[in-house]
Amino acid sequence: MKIVLMQLMGRGGAQLYTSQLATQLSKTNEVVVVLGDYLYEKSHYETSKARFYFLKNYPSYLVMLLMGMNPLTYITLYRIIRQEKPDIIHVVHEDLILGMFLVVLNKRYTIVTT
């Protein structure tokens, strides 16, 4: 099964949860992780077999809000998903950027949120 795991904002517990989830899921599935670039800490993914895409983002609510209004964010996410052709999209952390985007994807993909 191919899973796209997405977390574009957040920090702390959600960040660690995403890394542990990716590591465990990648033991038996093909996992692609889409992260806000500031969320990646190599030490959290040392045993993971996941592949990564990084979107430029900052841990600032203003920047995240602006990213959420930028159409290029959605175009980039859509291209990644279309290229990867996942069976499941798993979104970690509720955020502005992905909320509206999920409405569009919900008709084509199985979506799980944590």
N, C-alpha and C. Protein backbone atom coordinates (compact mmCIF):
# COMPACT_ATOMS: atom_id res chain seq x y z
N MET A 1 0.85 -1.16 0.00
CA MET A 1 0.00 0.00 0.00
C MET A 1 0.90 1.23 0.00
N LYS A 2 0.49 2.25 -0.72
CA LYS A 2 1.26 3.49 -0.79
C LYS A 2 0.53 4.57 0.01
N ILE A 3 1.26 5.17 0.93
CA ILE A 3 0.70 6.17 1.83
C ILE A 3 1.47 7.47 1.69
N VAL A 4 0.74 8.57 1.49
CA VAL A 4 1.35 9.90 1.56
C VAL A 4 0.98 10.46 2.92
N LEU A 5 2.01 10.75 3.71
CA LEU A 5 1.85 11.28 5.06
C LEU A 5 2.24 12.75 5.01
N MET A 6 1.33 13.63 5.43
CA MET A 6 1.56 15.07 5.29
C MET A 6 1.47 15.78 6.63
N GLN A 7 2.47 16.66 6.86
CA GLN A 7 2.42 17.60 7.98
C GLN A 7 3.16 18.85 7.53
N LEU A 8 2.45 19.94 7.40
CA LEU A 8 3.05 21.16 6.90
C LEU A 8 3.33 22.19 7.99
N MET A 9 2.68 22.05 9.14
CA MET A 9 2.93 22.98 10.24
C MET A 9 2.76 22.25 11.56
N GLY A 10 3.14 22.91 12.61
CA GLY A 10 3.09 22.30 13.93
C GLY A 10 4.49 22.22 14.50
N ARG A 11 4.64 21.52 15.58
CA ARG A 11 5.93 21.36 16.22
C ARG A 11 5.75 20.44 17.41
N GLY A 12 6.84 19.98 17.98
CA GLY A 12 6.79 19.21 19.21
C GLY A 12 6.16 17.85 19.04
N GLY A 13 5.07 17.61 19.75
CA GLY A 13 4.43 16.29 19.77
C GLY A 13 3.98 15.81 18.41
N ALA A 14 3.36 16.69 17.63
CA ALA A 14 2.90 16.29 16.29
C ALA A 14 4.09 15.98 15.39
N GLN A 15 5.14 16.72 15.54
CA GLN A 15 6.36 16.50 14.74
C GLN A 15 6.95 15.13 15.05
N LEU A 16 7.05 14.79 16.32
CA LEU A 16 7.58 13.49 16.72
C LEU A 16 6.63 12.37 16.30
N TYR A 17 5.33 12.59 16.46
CA TYR A 17 4.33 11.61 16.05
C TYR A 17 4.46 11.28 14.56
N THR A 18 4.62 12.29 13.73
CA THR A 18 4.76 12.08 12.29
C THR A 18 5.97 11.22 11.98
N SER A 19 7.09 11.50 12.63
CA SER A 19 8.30 10.72 12.36
C SER A 19 8.14 9.27 12.80
N GLN A 20 7.52 9.05 13.95
CA GLN A 20 7.32 7.67 14.42
C GLN A 20 6.31 6.93 13.55
N LEU A 21 5.27 7.61 13.14
CA LEU A 21 4.27 7.00 12.26
C LEU A 21 4.90 6.63 10.92
N ALA A 22 5.68 7.53 10.34
CA ALA A 22 6.34 7.26 9.06
C ALA A 22 7.29 6.07 9.18
N THR A 23 8.04 6.03 10.26
CA THR A 23 9.01 4.95 10.46
C THR A 23 8.30 3.60 10.57
N GLN A 24 7.24 3.54 11.35
CA GLN A 24 6.53 2.27 11.52
C GLN A 24 5.79 1.85 10.25
N LEU A 25 5.10 2.80 9.62
CA LEU A 25 4.37 2.46 8.40
C LEU A 25 5.31 2.03 7.28
N SER A 26 6.51 2.60 7.24
CA SER A 26 7.44 2.28 6.15
C SER A 26 8.03 0.88 6.26
N LYS A 27 7.80 0.21 7.37
CA LYS A 27 8.27 -1.18 7.52
C LYS A 27 7.48 -2.13 6.64
N THR A 28 6.22 -1.81 6.37
CA THR A 28 5.37 -2.71 5.60
C THR A 28 4.66 -2.04 4.43
N ASN A 29 4.88 -0.74 4.24
CA ASN A 29 4.21 0.01 3.18
C ASN A 29 5.21 0.95 2.51
N GLU A 30 4.84 1.42 1.34
CA GLU A 30 5.61 2.47 0.71
C GLU A 30 5.08 3.79 1.26
N VAL A 31 5.96 4.57 1.88
CA VAL A 31 5.55 5.80 2.53
C VAL A 31 6.29 6.99 1.93
N VAL A 32 5.51 8.01 1.61
CA VAL A 32 6.04 9.27 1.11
C VAL A 32 5.62 10.33 2.12
N VAL A 33 6.57 11.07 2.65
CA VAL A 33 6.29 12.09 3.65
C VAL A 33 6.42 13.47 3.03
N VAL A 34 5.39 14.30 3.19
CA VAL A 34 5.41 15.68 2.72
C VAL A 34 5.43 16.55 3.97
N LEU A 35 6.53 17.27 4.16
CA LEU A 35 6.73 18.05 5.38
C LEU A 35 7.00 19.51 5.09
N GLY A 36 6.57 20.36 6.02
CA GLY A 36 7.11 21.71 6.05
C GLY A 36 8.58 21.55 6.38
N ASP A 37 9.46 22.18 5.64
CA ASP A 37 10.89 21.90 5.77
C ASP A 37 11.45 22.11 7.17
N TYR A 38 10.89 23.01 7.94
CA TYR A 38 11.41 23.25 9.28
C TYR A 38 11.06 22.11 10.25
N LEU A 39 10.17 21.22 9.86
CA LEU A 39 9.75 20.11 10.72
C LEU A 39 10.68 18.90 10.65
N TYR A 40 11.55 18.87 9.66
CA TYR A 40 12.40 17.70 9.46
C TYR A 40 13.60 17.71 10.39
N GLU A 41 13.74 16.66 11.15
CA GLU A 41 14.94 16.43 11.95
C GLU A 41 15.44 15.03 11.59
N LYS A 42 16.58 14.98 10.97
CA LYS A 42 17.12 13.72 10.44
C LYS A 42 17.15 12.61 11.50
N SER A 43 17.49 12.95 12.71
CA SER A 43 17.60 11.93 13.76
C SER A 43 16.26 11.23 14.03
N HIS A 44 15.15 11.89 13.73
CA HIS A 44 13.83 11.28 13.95
C HIS A 44 13.50 10.24 12.89
N TYR A 45 14.19 10.27 11.77
CA TYR A 45 13.85 9.39 10.65
C TYR A 45 14.97 8.42 10.28
N GLU A 46 15.93 8.22 11.17
CA GLU A 46 17.11 7.41 10.84
C GLU A 46 16.78 5.99 10.40
N THR A 47 15.77 5.38 10.96
CA THR A 47 15.43 4.01 10.59
C THR A 47 14.25 3.93 9.62
N SER A 48 13.77 5.05 9.17
CA SER A 48 12.63 5.08 8.26
C SER A 48 13.07 4.81 6.81
N LYS A 49 12.21 4.11 6.09
CA LYS A 49 12.45 3.86 4.66
C LYS A 49 11.63 4.81 3.79
N ALA A 50 11.02 5.79 4.41
CA ALA A 50 10.15 6.74 3.70
C ALA A 50 10.98 7.64 2.78
N ARG A 51 10.28 8.14 1.76
CA ARG A 51 10.85 9.17 0.87
C ARG A 51 10.23 10.51 1.28
N PHE A 52 10.90 11.60 0.94
CA PHE A 52 10.48 12.91 1.45
C PHE A 52 10.33 13.95 0.35
N TYR A 53 9.35 14.83 0.57
CA TYR A 53 9.20 16.09 -0.16
C TYR A 53 9.14 17.17 0.91
N PHE A 54 9.79 18.30 0.65
CA PHE A 54 9.78 19.39 1.62
C PHE A 54 9.18 20.64 0.98
N LEU A 55 8.28 21.27 1.71
CA LEU A 55 7.71 22.54 1.28
C LEU A 55 8.25 23.63 2.19
N LYS A 56 8.66 24.72 1.60
CA LYS A 56 9.23 25.82 2.37
C LYS A 56 8.16 26.38 3.30
N ASN A 57 8.48 26.42 4.58
CA ASN A 57 7.55 26.95 5.57
C ASN A 57 8.35 27.38 6.79
N TYR A 58 7.73 28.14 7.69
CA TYR A 58 8.39 28.61 8.90
C TYR A 58 7.41 28.44 10.06
N PRO A 59 7.94 28.28 11.27
CA PRO A 59 7.05 28.12 12.44
C PRO A 59 6.48 29.46 12.91
N SER A 60 5.91 30.19 11.99
CA SER A 60 5.29 31.49 12.28
C SER A 60 3.87 31.45 11.74
N TYR A 61 2.89 31.79 12.56
CA TYR A 61 1.51 31.72 12.10
C TYR A 61 1.23 32.65 10.93
N LEU A 62 1.89 33.80 10.90
CA LEU A 62 1.70 34.72 9.79
C LEU A 62 2.19 34.10 8.48
N VAL A 63 3.37 33.52 8.51
CA VAL A 63 3.92 32.89 7.30
C VAL A 63 3.04 31.71 6.89
N MET A 64 2.59 30.93 7.86
CA MET A 64 1.72 29.79 7.55
C MET A 64 0.40 30.25 6.93
N LEU A 65 -0.12 31.35 7.43
CA LEU A 65 -1.36 31.91 6.87
C LEU A 65 -1.13 32.34 5.42
N LEU A 66 -0.02 33.01 5.17
CA LEU A 66 0.30 33.44 3.81
C LEU A 66 0.52 32.24 2.90
N MET A 67 1.17 31.21 3.41
CA MET A 67 1.37 29.99 2.62
C MET A 67 0.02 29.35 2.29
N GLY A 68 -0.90 29.42 3.23
CA GLY A 68 -2.23 28.86 3.02
C GLY A 68 -3.04 29.60 1.99
N MET A 69 -2.69 30.84 1.72
CA MET A 69 -3.39 31.63 0.71
C MET A 69 -2.69 31.60 -0.65
N ASN A 70 -1.52 31.01 -0.69
CA ASN A 70 -0.74 30.98 -1.93
C ASN A 70 -1.17 29.81 -2.80
N PRO A 71 -1.70 30.06 -3.99
CA PRO A 71 -2.12 28.97 -4.87
C PRO A 71 -1.00 28.00 -5.24
N LEU A 72 0.24 28.47 -5.24
CA LEU A 72 1.36 27.58 -5.56
C LEU A 72 1.51 26.45 -4.55
N THR A 73 1.12 26.71 -3.30
CA THR A 73 1.15 25.66 -2.28
C THR A 73 0.26 24.49 -2.71
N TYR A 74 -0.95 24.81 -3.14
CA TYR A 74 -1.90 23.77 -3.53
C TYR A 74 -1.50 23.09 -4.83
N ILE A 75 -0.95 23.85 -5.74
CA ILE A 75 -0.49 23.26 -7.01
C ILE A 75 0.64 22.28 -6.74
N THR A 76 1.58 22.67 -5.89
CA THR A 76 2.69 21.79 -5.54
C THR A 76 2.19 20.51 -4.86
N LEU A 77 1.30 20.65 -3.90
CA LEU A 77 0.75 19.48 -3.21
C LEU A 77 0.01 18.57 -4.18
N TYR A 78 -0.77 19.15 -5.05
CA TYR A 78 -1.52 18.35 -6.02
C TYR A 78 -0.58 17.59 -6.96
N ARG A 79 0.48 18.25 -7.39
CA ARG A 79 1.44 17.58 -8.28
C ARG A 79 2.12 16.41 -7.58
N ILE A 80 2.48 16.60 -6.33
CA ILE A 80 3.11 15.51 -5.57
C ILE A 80 2.15 14.34 -5.48
N ILE A 81 0.92 14.62 -5.11
CA ILE A 81 -0.07 13.54 -4.93
C ILE A 81 -0.36 12.86 -6.25
N ARG A 82 -0.52 13.63 -7.30
CA ARG A 82 -0.79 13.04 -8.62
C ARG A 82 0.39 12.17 -9.08
N GLN A 83 1.59 12.62 -8.83
CA GLN A 83 2.78 11.85 -9.21
C GLN A 83 2.90 10.58 -8.40
N GLU A 84 2.62 10.64 -7.12
CA GLU A 84 2.80 9.49 -6.23
C GLU A 84 1.67 8.47 -6.31
N LYS A 85 0.48 8.90 -6.67
CA LYS A 85 -0.69 8.02 -6.78
C LYS A 85 -0.88 7.15 -5.53
N PRO A 86 -1.12 7.79 -4.38
CA PRO A 86 -1.25 7.03 -3.14
C PRO A 86 -2.58 6.30 -3.01
N ASP A 87 -2.58 5.27 -2.19
CA ASP A 87 -3.83 4.61 -1.82
C ASP A 87 -4.51 5.39 -0.70
N ILE A 88 -3.69 5.97 0.16
CA ILE A 88 -4.19 6.72 1.32
C ILE A 88 -3.38 8.00 1.48
N ILE A 89 -4.06 9.07 1.84
CA ILE A 89 -3.39 10.30 2.25
C ILE A 89 -3.68 10.45 3.74
N HIS A 90 -2.62 10.50 4.53
CA HIS A 90 -2.76 10.66 5.98
C HIS A 90 -2.22 12.03 6.35
N VAL A 91 -3.09 12.87 6.89
CA VAL A 91 -2.72 14.23 7.28
C VAL A 91 -2.57 14.28 8.79
N VAL A 92 -1.40 14.71 9.23
CA VAL A 92 -1.13 14.85 10.66
C VAL A 92 -1.23 16.33 11.00
N HIS A 93 -2.03 16.65 11.98
CA HIS A 93 -2.20 17.99 12.50
C HIS A 93 -3.20 18.75 11.64
N GLU A 94 -4.11 19.33 12.28
CA GLU A 94 -5.14 20.12 11.59
C GLU A 94 -4.55 21.49 11.27
N ASP A 95 -4.57 21.86 10.02
CA ASP A 95 -4.04 23.17 9.69
C ASP A 95 -4.80 23.81 8.54
N LEU A 96 -4.65 25.10 8.43
CA LEU A 96 -5.35 25.90 7.43
C LEU A 96 -5.02 25.45 6.01
N ILE A 97 -3.76 25.18 5.77
CA ILE A 97 -3.31 24.86 4.42
C ILE A 97 -4.02 23.63 3.88
N LEU A 98 -4.09 22.58 4.69
CA LEU A 98 -4.63 21.33 4.18
C LEU A 98 -6.15 21.22 4.29
N GLY A 99 -6.76 22.01 5.15
CA GLY A 99 -8.20 21.89 5.35
C GLY A 99 -9.03 22.00 4.08
N MET A 100 -8.85 23.07 3.35
CA MET A 100 -9.61 23.27 2.12
C MET A 100 -9.15 22.32 1.02
N PHE A 101 -7.89 22.01 1.03
CA PHE A 101 -7.33 21.12 0.02
C PHE A 101 -7.93 19.71 0.13
N LEU A 102 -8.19 19.27 1.35
CA LEU A 102 -8.75 17.93 1.56
C LEU A 102 -10.14 17.79 0.96
N VAL A 103 -10.89 18.88 0.94
CA VAL A 103 -12.23 18.83 0.35
C VAL A 103 -12.13 18.41 -1.11
N VAL A 104 -11.15 18.94 -1.81
CA VAL A 104 -10.96 18.60 -3.23
C VAL A 104 -10.48 17.16 -3.39
N LEU A 105 -9.56 16.74 -2.54
CA LEU A 105 -8.98 15.40 -2.66
C LEU A 105 -9.90 14.29 -2.18
N ASN A 106 -10.83 14.62 -1.33
CA ASN A 106 -11.70 13.62 -0.70
C ASN A 106 -12.49 12.79 -1.70
N LYS A 107 -12.75 13.31 -2.87
CA LYS A 107 -13.53 12.58 -3.85
C LYS A 107 -12.69 11.55 -4.60
N ARG A 108 -11.37 11.72 -4.57
CA ARG A 108 -10.50 10.85 -5.35
C ARG A 108 -9.66 9.90 -4.50
N TYR A 109 -9.37 10.29 -3.27
CA TYR A 109 -8.47 9.51 -2.41
C TYR A 109 -9.10 9.23 -1.06
N THR A 110 -8.64 8.17 -0.43
CA THR A 110 -9.01 7.89 0.95
C THR A 110 -8.14 8.78 1.83
N ILE A 111 -8.77 9.53 2.72
CA ILE A 111 -8.05 10.48 3.54
C ILE A 111 -8.25 10.15 5.01
N VAL A 112 -7.14 10.13 5.74
CA VAL A 112 -7.14 9.90 7.18
C VAL A 112 -6.51 11.12 7.82
N THR A 113 -7.08 11.60 8.91
CA THR A 113 -6.47 12.72 9.63
C THR A 113 -6.21 12.33 11.07
N THR A 114 -5.13 12.85 11.60
CA THR A 114 -4.79 12.65 13.01
C THR A 114 -4.58 14.01 13.61
